[in-house]
Amino acid sequence: MCFLFSSYLKLKTIEVEGNNQITKEEILEAGNINNNLRTWSIKDDEIQNNIKSRFDIFKSVTVKSKLPSSIKSAGRRV
């Protein structure tokens, strides 16, 4: 159980691709993504929906979290 809350699973790598009009920080804020998250607690679909609903410039948004400590977000513009 302690393993689930260890720093090993704490989000360390955050990638944002496919965008040049909105800052990485704005996308992370819209998805409520930060380094305090644990990868096992991330709900990719929820983050995708939050980002897409906030920025209608995106045709699609893909979010993929990967154990132990990374997440990747990619957006395709309209």
Protein backbone atom coordinates (compact mmCIF):
# COMPACT_ATOMS: atom_id res chain seq x y z
CA MET A 1 0.00 0.00 0.00
CA CYS A 2 2.81 2.44 0.82
CA PHE A 3 4.16 1.89 -2.69
CA LEU A 4 1.08 3.64 -4.14
CA PHE A 5 2.02 6.83 -2.30
CA SER A 6 5.77 6.66 -2.81
CA SER A 7 7.65 9.33 -4.71
CA TYR A 8 8.48 6.66 -7.32
CA LEU A 9 4.94 7.01 -8.70
CA LYS A 10 4.85 10.80 -8.41
CA LEU A 11 4.49 12.54 -11.77
CA LYS A 12 7.90 13.66 -13.00
CA THR A 13 7.69 13.90 -16.80
CA ILE A 14 4.97 16.01 -18.43
CA GLU A 15 4.95 16.38 -22.23
CA VAL A 16 2.61 18.60 -24.22
CA GLU A 17 2.63 18.36 -28.04
CA GLY A 18 0.75 19.62 -31.06
CA ASN A 19 0.14 23.17 -30.01
CA ASN A 20 1.78 26.53 -30.56
CA GLN A 21 -1.00 28.99 -29.68
CA ILE A 22 -1.71 27.91 -26.10
CA THR A 23 1.02 27.65 -23.50
CA LYS A 24 1.95 24.40 -21.83
CA GLU A 25 0.98 25.95 -18.51
CA GLU A 26 -2.54 26.77 -19.76
CA ILE A 27 -3.02 23.20 -20.97
CA LEU A 28 -1.73 21.76 -17.69
CA GLU A 29 -4.05 24.05 -15.75
CA ALA A 30 -7.05 23.06 -17.88
CA GLY A 31 -6.27 19.40 -17.32
CA ASN A 32 -5.51 19.96 -13.64
CA ILE A 33 -2.11 18.31 -14.20
CA ASN A 34 0.72 18.98 -11.78
CA ASN A 35 3.74 17.30 -10.26
CA ASN A 36 1.83 16.40 -7.09
CA LEU A 37 -0.21 13.75 -8.91
CA ARG A 38 0.53 10.05 -8.68
CA THR A 39 0.34 8.30 -12.05
CA TRP A 40 -2.04 5.63 -10.74
CA SER A 41 -4.58 8.34 -9.84
CA ILE A 42 -4.64 10.02 -13.26
CA LYS A 43 -7.83 9.62 -15.28
CA ASP A 44 -6.76 10.16 -18.89
CA ASP A 45 -10.33 10.52 -20.24
CA GLU A 46 -11.23 13.14 -17.66
CA ILE A 47 -8.13 15.20 -18.46
CA GLN A 48 -8.80 14.93 -22.21
CA ASN A 49 -12.37 16.16 -21.75
CA ASN A 50 -11.29 19.06 -19.52
CA ILE A 51 -8.68 20.28 -22.01
CA LYS A 52 -10.94 19.86 -25.04
CA SER A 53 -13.87 21.64 -23.39
CA ARG A 54 -11.69 24.58 -22.33
CA PHE A 55 -10.01 25.07 -25.72
CA ASP A 56 -12.28 24.67 -28.73
CA ILE A 57 -9.25 25.13 -31.00
CA PHE A 58 -8.54 21.39 -30.63
CA LYS A 59 -10.21 18.86 -32.88
CA SER A 60 -8.97 16.09 -30.62
CA VAL A 61 -6.95 15.70 -27.46
CA THR A 62 -5.04 12.60 -26.40
CA VAL A 63 -3.72 12.04 -22.91
CA LYS A 64 -1.66 9.01 -21.97
CA SER A 65 -0.27 8.45 -18.52
CA LYS A 66 2.43 5.85 -18.16
CA LEU A 67 3.79 4.19 -15.07
CA PRO A 68 5.88 4.95 -13.21
CA SER A 69 5.89 8.73 -13.59
CA SER A 70 5.00 10.33 -16.93
CA ILE A 71 2.08 11.81 -18.83
CA LYS A 72 1.82 12.96 -22.42
CA SER A 73 -0.82 15.26 -23.87
CA ALA A 74 -1.22 15.88 -27.59
CA GLY A 75 -3.76 18.10 -29.28
CA ARG A 76 -4.82 18.26 -32.91
CA ARG A 77 -6.11 21.60 -34.05
CA VAL A 78 -9.28 22.14 -36.05
